[in-house]
């Protein structure tokens, strides 16, 4: 399984939903990066996501998935399982 990174904040229901969704899909091993604690990590998130300021910002391997809604849309389109499998 490729590396999964989630940029999150402490009080974010979409961040919680994204983490739960990934666990439900069998991807319980992810790195959570709290941008509310570290301004440098927030700047990193902006750079990696094309200046998206909202959380979560989800990366699976080298692919920027986007936020929670993007994650669900990717799954419904059949793209999440292959991405998680590293295909």
C-alpha atoms as a PDB file:
ATOM      1  CA  UNK A   1       0.000   0.000   0.000  1.00  0.00           C
ATOM      2  CA  UNK A   2       1.388   3.439  -0.860  1.00  0.00           C
ATOM      3  CA  UNK A   3       2.078   6.089   1.753  1.00  0.00           C
ATOM      4  CA  UNK A   4      -1.062   8.001   2.781  1.00  0.00           C
ATOM      5  CA  UNK A   5      -0.765  11.525   4.193  1.00  0.00           C
ATOM      6  CA  UNK A   6      -3.593  13.652   5.552  1.00  0.00           C
ATOM      7  CA  UNK A   7      -3.151  17.313   6.399  1.00  0.00           C
ATOM      8  CA  UNK A   8      -5.644  18.032   9.185  1.00  0.00           C
ATOM      9  CA  UNK A   9      -6.593  20.292  12.082  1.00  0.00           C
ATOM     10  CA  UNK A  10      -7.888  19.454  15.553  1.00  0.00           C
ATOM     11  CA  UNK A  11     -11.463  20.622  15.051  1.00  0.00           C
ATOM     12  CA  UNK A  12     -12.440  19.399  11.605  1.00  0.00           C
ATOM     13  CA  UNK A  13     -15.363  17.020  11.060  1.00  0.00           C
ATOM     14  CA  UNK A  14     -14.290  16.374   7.460  1.00  0.00           C
ATOM     15  CA  UNK A  15     -10.851  15.303   8.689  1.00  0.00           C
ATOM     16  CA  UNK A  16     -12.459  12.780  11.046  1.00  0.00           C
ATOM     17  CA  UNK A  17     -14.744  11.575   8.250  1.00  0.00           C
ATOM     18  CA  UNK A  18     -11.788  11.140   5.871  1.00  0.00           C
ATOM     19  CA  UNK A  19      -9.787   9.147   8.425  1.00  0.00           C
ATOM     20  CA  UNK A  20     -12.781   6.905   9.157  1.00  0.00           C
ATOM     21  CA  UNK A  21     -13.462   6.438   5.443  1.00  0.00           C
ATOM     22  CA  UNK A  22      -9.889   5.354   4.801  1.00  0.00           C
ATOM     23  CA  UNK A  23     -10.008   2.914   7.722  1.00  0.00           C
ATOM     24  CA  UNK A  24     -13.268   1.472   6.359  1.00  0.00           C
ATOM     25  CA  UNK A  25     -11.485   0.957   3.027  1.00  0.00           C
ATOM     26  CA  UNK A  26      -8.670  -0.957   4.715  1.00  0.00           C
ATOM     27  CA  UNK A  27      -6.176   1.898   4.831  1.00  0.00           C
ATOM     28  CA  UNK A  28      -5.629   2.281   8.562  1.00  0.00           C
ATOM     29  CA  UNK A  29      -1.930   3.143   8.190  1.00  0.00           C
ATOM     30  CA  UNK A  30      -1.771   6.831   7.378  1.00  0.00           C
ATOM     31  CA  UNK A  31       0.278   9.796   8.513  1.00  0.00           C
ATOM     32  CA  UNK A  32      -1.706  12.646  10.006  1.00  0.00           C
ATOM     33  CA  UNK A  33      -0.046  16.042   9.652  1.00  0.00           C
ATOM     34  CA  UNK A  34      -1.603  18.673  11.933  1.00  0.00           C
ATOM     35  CA  UNK A  35      -1.295  22.036  10.189  1.00  0.00           C
ATOM     36  CA  UNK A  36      -2.849  23.933  13.098  1.00  0.00           C
ATOM     37  CA  UNK A  37       0.213  23.171  15.223  1.00  0.00           C
ATOM     38  CA  UNK A  38       2.943  24.007  12.719  1.00  0.00           C
ATOM     39  CA  UNK A  39       2.849  26.944  10.262  1.00  0.00           C
ATOM     40  CA  UNK A  40       5.617  25.343   8.190  1.00  0.00           C
ATOM     41  CA  UNK A  41       3.480  22.257   7.622  1.00  0.00           C
ATOM     42  CA  UNK A  42       0.575  24.526   6.578  1.00  0.00           C
ATOM     43  CA  UNK A  43       2.867  26.182   4.023  1.00  0.00           C
ATOM     44  CA  UNK A  44       3.920  22.708   2.860  1.00  0.00           C
ATOM     45  CA  UNK A  45       0.263  21.734   2.421  1.00  0.00           C
ATOM     46  CA  UNK A  46      -0.398  24.870   0.376  1.00  0.00           C
ATOM     47  CA  UNK A  47       2.568  24.141  -1.863  1.00  0.00           C
ATOM     48  CA  UNK A  48       1.714  20.475  -2.411  1.00  0.00           C
ATOM     49  CA  UNK A  49      -2.015  21.010  -2.948  1.00  0.00           C
ATOM     50  CA  UNK A  50      -1.896  23.922  -5.373  1.00  0.00           C
ATOM     51  CA  UNK A  51      -2.766  26.517  -2.713  1.00  0.00           C
ATOM     52  CA  UNK A  52      -5.787  24.699  -1.310  1.00  0.00           C
ATOM     53  CA  UNK A  53      -6.364  26.158   2.150  1.00  0.00           C
ATOM     54  CA  UNK A  54      -9.000  23.749   3.446  1.00  0.00           C
ATOM     55  CA  UNK A  55      -8.474  20.530   5.361  1.00  0.00           C
ATOM     56  CA  UNK A  56      -8.237  17.690   4.980  1.00  0.00           C
ATOM     57  CA  UNK A  57      -5.851  17.531   2.067  1.00  0.00           C
ATOM     58  CA  UNK A  58      -5.227  13.903   1.232  1.00  0.00           C
ATOM     59  CA  UNK A  59      -2.267  12.428  -0.618  1.00  0.00           C
ATOM     60  CA  UNK A  60      -2.007   8.769  -1.577  1.00  0.00           C
ATOM     61  CA  UNK A  61       1.465   8.033  -2.861  1.00  0.00           C
ATOM     62  CA  UNK A  62       2.319  10.839  -5.287  1.00  0.00           C
ATOM     63  CA  UNK A  63      -1.356  11.541  -6.025  1.00  0.00           C
ATOM     64  CA  UNK A  64      -3.125  14.540  -4.526  1.00  0.00           C
ATOM     65  CA  UNK A  65      -6.666  13.296  -3.927  1.00  0.00           C
ATOM     66  CA  UNK A  66      -8.002  16.545  -2.453  1.00  0.00           C
ATOM     67  CA  UNK A  67     -10.477  16.790   0.406  1.00  0.00           C
ATOM     68  CA  UNK A  68     -13.064  14.445   1.869  1.00  0.00           C
ATOM     69  CA  UNK A  69     -15.618  15.034  -0.899  1.00  0.00           C
ATOM     70  CA  UNK A  70     -12.918  14.353  -3.492  1.00  0.00           C
ATOM     71  CA  UNK A  71     -11.999  11.125  -1.683  1.00  0.00           C
ATOM     72  CA  UNK A  72     -15.593   9.874  -1.760  1.00  0.00           C
ATOM     73  CA  UNK A  73     -16.018  10.908  -5.405  1.00  0.00           C
ATOM     74  CA  UNK A  74     -12.822   9.067  -6.338  1.00  0.00           C
ATOM     75  CA  UNK A  75     -14.101   5.940  -4.593  1.00  0.00           C
ATOM     76  CA  UNK A  76     -17.498   6.127  -6.285  1.00  0.00           C
ATOM     77  CA  UNK A  77     -15.769   6.487  -9.656  1.00  0.00           C
ATOM     78  CA  UNK A  78     -13.778   3.313  -8.951  1.00  0.00           C
ATOM     79  CA  UNK A  79     -10.425   5.054  -8.573  1.00  0.00           C
ATOM     80  CA  UNK A  80      -9.705   4.676  -4.875  1.00  0.00           C
ATOM     81  CA  UNK A  81      -9.168   0.904  -4.664  1.00  0.00           C
ATOM     82  CA  UNK A  82      -6.513   0.840  -7.427  1.00  0.00           C
ATOM     83  CA  UNK A  83      -4.793   3.848  -5.876  1.00  0.00           C
ATOM     84  CA  UNK A  84      -4.695   2.170  -2.457  1.00  0.00           C
ATOM     85  CA  UNK A  85      -3.418  -1.027  -4.072  1.00  0.00           C
ATOM     86  CA  UNK A  86      -0.580   0.905  -5.677  1.00  0.00           C
ATOM     87  CA  UNK A  87      -1.735   0.191  -9.233  1.00  0.00           C
END
